[in-house]
Protein backbone atom coordinates (compact mmCIF):
# COMPACT_ATOMS: atom_id res chain seq x y z
CA UNK A 1 0.07 -0.07 0.03
CA UNK A 2 2.83 2.41 0.86
CA UNK A 3 4.46 1.70 -2.50
CA UNK A 4 1.04 2.46 -4.17
CA UNK A 5 0.68 5.77 -2.48
CA UNK A 6 4.35 6.68 -3.27
CA UNK A 7 3.59 6.16 -7.00
CA UNK A 8 0.40 8.08 -6.83
CA UNK A 9 2.12 11.08 -5.27
CA UNK A 10 5.29 10.52 -7.37
CA UNK A 11 7.46 10.00 -4.34
CA UNK A 12 10.24 7.53 -4.13
CA UNK A 13 10.23 4.79 -1.57
CA UNK A 14 13.27 5.41 0.47
CA UNK A 15 15.92 2.84 0.44
CA UNK A 16 17.15 1.31 3.71
CA UNK A 17 20.80 2.00 4.41
CA UNK A 18 21.90 -1.33 5.68
CA UNK A 19 20.54 -4.99 5.52
CA UNK A 20 22.10 -7.44 7.84
CA UNK A 21 21.86 -11.08 7.00
CA UNK A 22 21.66 -13.33 10.10
CA UNK A 23 20.50 -13.12 13.68
CA UNK A 24 23.52 -14.38 15.59
CA UNK A 25 25.93 -12.63 17.88
CA UNK A 26 27.87 -10.81 15.05
CA UNK A 27 24.51 -9.73 13.37
CA UNK A 28 23.31 -8.31 16.61
CA UNK A 29 26.60 -6.55 17.16
CA UNK A 30 26.58 -4.99 13.67
CA UNK A 31 22.95 -3.94 14.20
CA UNK A 32 24.05 -2.17 17.37
CA UNK A 33 26.88 -0.35 15.51
CA UNK A 34 24.42 0.43 12.55
CA UNK A 35 21.95 2.14 14.90
CA UNK A 36 24.73 4.02 16.75
CA UNK A 37 25.77 5.22 13.31
CA UNK A 38 22.18 6.52 12.68
CA UNK A 39 21.61 4.19 9.77
CA UNK A 40 18.19 2.73 8.89
CA UNK A 41 18.33 -0.98 9.22
CA UNK A 42 16.70 -4.24 7.89
CA UNK A 43 17.40 -7.76 9.43
CA UNK A 44 17.07 -10.79 7.17
CA UNK A 45 17.24 -14.45 8.07
CA UNK A 46 16.29 -17.88 6.86
CA UNK A 47 13.95 -18.00 9.87
CA UNK A 48 11.74 -14.92 9.27
CA UNK A 49 10.37 -15.17 12.82
CA UNK A 50 13.89 -14.83 14.31
CA UNK A 51 14.51 -11.90 12.02
CA UNK A 52 11.39 -10.24 13.20
CA UNK A 53 12.10 -10.99 16.84
CA UNK A 54 15.53 -9.31 16.53
CA UNK A 55 14.17 -6.28 14.69
CA UNK A 56 11.54 -5.92 17.53
CA UNK A 57 14.30 -6.19 20.10
CA UNK A 58 16.35 -3.53 18.35
CA UNK A 59 13.43 -1.16 17.88
CA UNK A 60 14.14 2.18 16.19
CA UNK A 61 12.03 1.26 13.25
CA UNK A 62 14.15 -1.72 12.32
CA UNK A 63 12.42 -3.96 9.60
CA UNK A 64 12.77 -7.61 8.88
CA UNK A 65 12.34 -10.05 6.02
CA UNK A 66 13.11 -13.56 4.87
CA UNK A 67 16.57 -14.22 3.50
CA UNK A 68 15.10 -15.14 0.22
CA UNK A 69 13.59 -11.65 -0.32
CA UNK A 70 15.65 -9.07 -2.14
CA UNK A 71 17.61 -6.86 0.39
CA UNK A 72 16.25 -3.45 0.97
CA UNK A 73 19.54 -2.14 2.09
CA UNK A 74 22.13 -0.30 -0.14
CA UNK A 75 24.76 -2.00 1.91
CA UNK A 76 24.21 -5.75 2.69
CA UNK A 77 26.29 -7.13 5.53
CA UNK A 78 26.43 -10.93 5.42
CA UNK A 79 26.81 -12.12 9.00
CA UNK A 80 26.74 -15.74 7.82
CA UNK A 81 29.14 -18.58 7.36
CA UNK A 82 31.27 -18.53 4.21
CA UNK A 83 29.42 -21.32 2.35
CA UNK A 84 26.01 -19.59 3.12
CA UNK A 85 27.20 -16.33 1.74
CA UNK A 86 28.22 -17.99 -1.51
CA UNK A 87 24.76 -19.72 -1.61
CA UNK A 88 23.05 -16.42 -0.91
CA UNK A 89 25.00 -14.29 -3.52
CA UNK A 90 24.28 -16.96 -6.17
CA UNK A 91 20.52 -17.24 -5.33
CA UNK A 92 20.05 -13.45 -5.29
CA UNK A 93 21.54 -12.94 -8.72
CA UNK A 94 20.76 -9.47 -10.11
CA UNK A 95 18.77 -8.47 -6.95
CA UNK A 96 22.20 -7.49 -5.62
CA UNK A 97 23.01 -5.37 -8.53
CA UNK A 98 23.61 -1.72 -7.48
CA UNK A 99 24.29 -2.72 -3.91
CA UNK A 100 27.43 -3.45 -1.91
CA UNK A 101 27.96 -6.92 -0.26
CA UNK A 102 30.15 -6.98 2.82
CA UNK A 103 31.83 -10.32 3.65
CA UNK A 104 32.96 -10.82 7.28
CA UNK A 105 33.42 -14.65 7.05
CA UNK A 106 36.48 -16.51 7.97
CA UNK A 107 36.81 -19.82 6.11
CA UNK A 108 38.56 -21.63 8.95
CA UNK A 109 38.79 -25.35 9.48
CA UNK A 110 36.97 -25.24 12.83
CA UNK A 111 37.99 -28.84 13.57
CA UNK A 112 41.61 -27.84 13.95
CA UNK A 113 41.84 -24.00 13.81
CA UNK A 114 44.95 -24.69 11.87
CA UNK A 115 44.19 -23.91 8.23
CA UNK A 116 41.80 -22.07 5.87
CA UNK A 117 39.43 -23.99 3.75
CA UNK A 118 39.91 -21.99 0.50
CA UNK A 119 42.75 -22.58 -2.03
CA UNK A 120 46.08 -21.04 -1.25
CA UNK A 121 45.73 -18.44 -4.01
CA UNK A 122 42.23 -17.28 -3.10
CA UNK A 123 40.04 -16.11 -0.13
CA UNK A 124 36.46 -16.40 0.90
CA UNK A 125 35.85 -12.76 -0.29
CA UNK A 126 37.13 -13.56 -3.76
CA UNK A 127 35.08 -16.69 -4.04
CA UNK A 128 31.96 -14.74 -2.91
CA UNK A 129 32.78 -11.89 -5.34
CA UNK A 130 32.81 -14.43 -8.17
CA UNK A 131 29.33 -15.41 -7.35
CA UNK A 132 27.94 -11.77 -6.55
CA UNK A 133 26.39 -9.35 -8.82
CA UNK A 134 27.42 -6.70 -6.23
CA UNK A 135 30.91 -5.47 -5.44
CA UNK A 136 32.32 -7.31 -2.50
CA UNK A 137 34.03 -5.46 0.46
CA UNK A 138 35.95 -7.56 3.06
CA UNK A 139 35.41 -6.02 6.53
CA UNK A 140 34.67 -6.88 10.08
CA UNK A 141 36.26 -10.39 9.85
CA UNK A 142 38.82 -9.44 12.54
CA UNK A 143 36.35 -8.32 15.09
CA UNK A 144 34.56 -10.50 17.74
CA UNK A 145 30.92 -9.71 18.73
CA UNK A 146 31.62 -8.53 22.31
CA UNK A 147 34.03 -5.74 21.49
CA UNK A 148 32.03 -4.84 18.37
CA UNK A 149 28.98 -4.38 20.35
CA UNK A 150 30.84 -2.03 22.77
CA UNK A 151 32.54 -0.31 19.73
CA UNK A 152 35.85 -0.50 21.50
CA UNK A 153 38.50 -2.69 22.92
CA UNK A 154 40.40 -1.72 26.13
CA UNK A 155 39.42 1.90 25.79
CA UNK A 156 40.21 2.41 22.21
CA UNK A 157 38.00 2.37 19.00
CA UNK A 158 38.06 -0.90 17.24
CA UNK A 159 40.11 -1.01 14.01
CA UNK A 160 38.17 -2.53 11.11
CA UNK A 161 40.36 -3.56 8.03
CA UNK A 162 38.79 -2.93 4.68
CA UNK A 163 39.80 -4.64 1.44
CA UNK A 164 37.93 -4.01 -1.88
CA UNK A 165 38.55 -3.60 -5.56
CA UNK A 166 35.62 -1.10 -5.96
CA UNK A 167 36.68 2.25 -4.62
CA UNK A 168 33.13 3.54 -4.23
CA UNK A 169 31.94 0.48 -2.32
CA UNK A 170 35.05 0.70 -0.03
CA UNK A 171 34.28 4.44 0.65
CA UNK A 172 30.70 3.63 1.50
CA UNK A 173 31.62 0.92 3.97
CA UNK A 174 34.38 2.93 5.47
CA UNK A 175 32.06 5.80 6.05
CA UNK A 176 29.69 3.49 7.94
CA UNK A 177 32.56 2.18 9.99
CA UNK A 178 33.59 5.67 10.91
CA UNK A 179 30.06 6.82 11.82
CA UNK A 180 29.69 3.68 14.03
CA UNK A 181 32.61 4.92 16.24
CA UNK A 182 35.17 2.62 14.74
CA UNK A 183 38.31 3.29 12.78
CA UNK A 184 38.48 2.10 9.11
CA UNK A 185 41.76 0.90 7.86
CA UNK A 186 42.08 0.38 4.04
CA UNK A 187 44.46 -2.35 3.14
CA UNK A 188 44.00 -2.36 -0.74
CA UNK A 189 42.45 -4.61 -3.07
CA UNK A 190 40.12 -7.56 -2.49
CA UNK A 191 43.00 -9.99 -2.93
CA UNK A 192 44.28 -8.83 0.41
CA UNK A 193 41.27 -10.54 2.03
CA UNK A 194 43.56 -13.63 1.94
CA UNK A 195 45.86 -12.05 4.51
CA UNK A 196 43.08 -10.76 6.61
CA UNK A 197 41.50 -14.16 6.85
CA UNK A 198 44.84 -15.79 7.50
CA UNK A 199 45.51 -13.18 10.27
CA UNK A 200 42.19 -13.91 11.92
CA UNK A 201 42.89 -17.65 11.67
CA UNK A 202 45.71 -17.12 13.94
CA UNK A 203 43.74 -14.89 16.30
CA UNK A 204 40.88 -17.35 16.48
CA UNK A 205 43.42 -20.33 17.14
CA UNK A 206 44.53 -18.15 20.23
CA UNK A 207 40.93 -17.99 21.57
CA UNK A 208 40.76 -21.83 21.92
CA UNK A 209 44.48 -22.25 23.04
CA UNK A 210 44.43 -23.48 26.73
CA UNK A 211 47.59 -21.72 27.27
CA UNK A 212 45.76 -18.35 26.85
CA UNK A 213 42.68 -18.79 29.14
CA UNK A 214 41.97 -15.06 29.39
CA UNK A 215 41.35 -14.59 25.61
CA UNK A 216 37.94 -16.34 25.26
CA UNK A 217 36.63 -14.45 22.16
CA UNK A 218 36.90 -11.08 23.73
CA UNK A 219 40.21 -9.80 22.20
CA UNK A 220 40.52 -7.17 19.57
CA UNK A 221 43.29 -6.09 17.15
CA UNK A 222 44.70 -2.63 17.32
CA UNK A 223 47.20 -1.01 15.12
CA UNK A 224 49.09 1.67 17.05
CA UNK A 225 50.13 4.81 15.17
């Protein structure tokens, strides 16, 4: 009905700023940052009821939809496992055209925390980009949910590394990161996602290392300078 009224009065239906895919801890943390940045927000999930419940919990006019629907957001942040993002990008097809897809996945062998599951000359982000009609930006893969929710680690704004081939997409995501109270750090083209994923592999391995009992998924990376 709203779309009908918009056509009758020759008004455009406003696009949502950000769609977040998923309802887990990282999705909730990203939603908290998005609202802190003053962005309009949509939550999408396979379980539409869970998406609606999270949207209601967040308030602030947050909307929800099933994962199979075209995303409303200009920026689509996929808080999903690597394989699920590839499946999503493939299924959405041209519905992602004109948008930006943010990949925060880490293709880690979770049985050992000792290797990545993508070929040595590739990365999760590059595989996703090959399946996506939208430019892909690698970001947030080096942040854990707790510090991301808080927006800081040990009293300092979180650093968020950004890798992308599309300059406009990188700028759009970096502006969101800055507005969310975090520090965007551009690292170059999307091929550098391989280094970011490898770096986080080492960090994640430390979280499960019995010799480091104080880590427990609450650490954060900070570049001083």
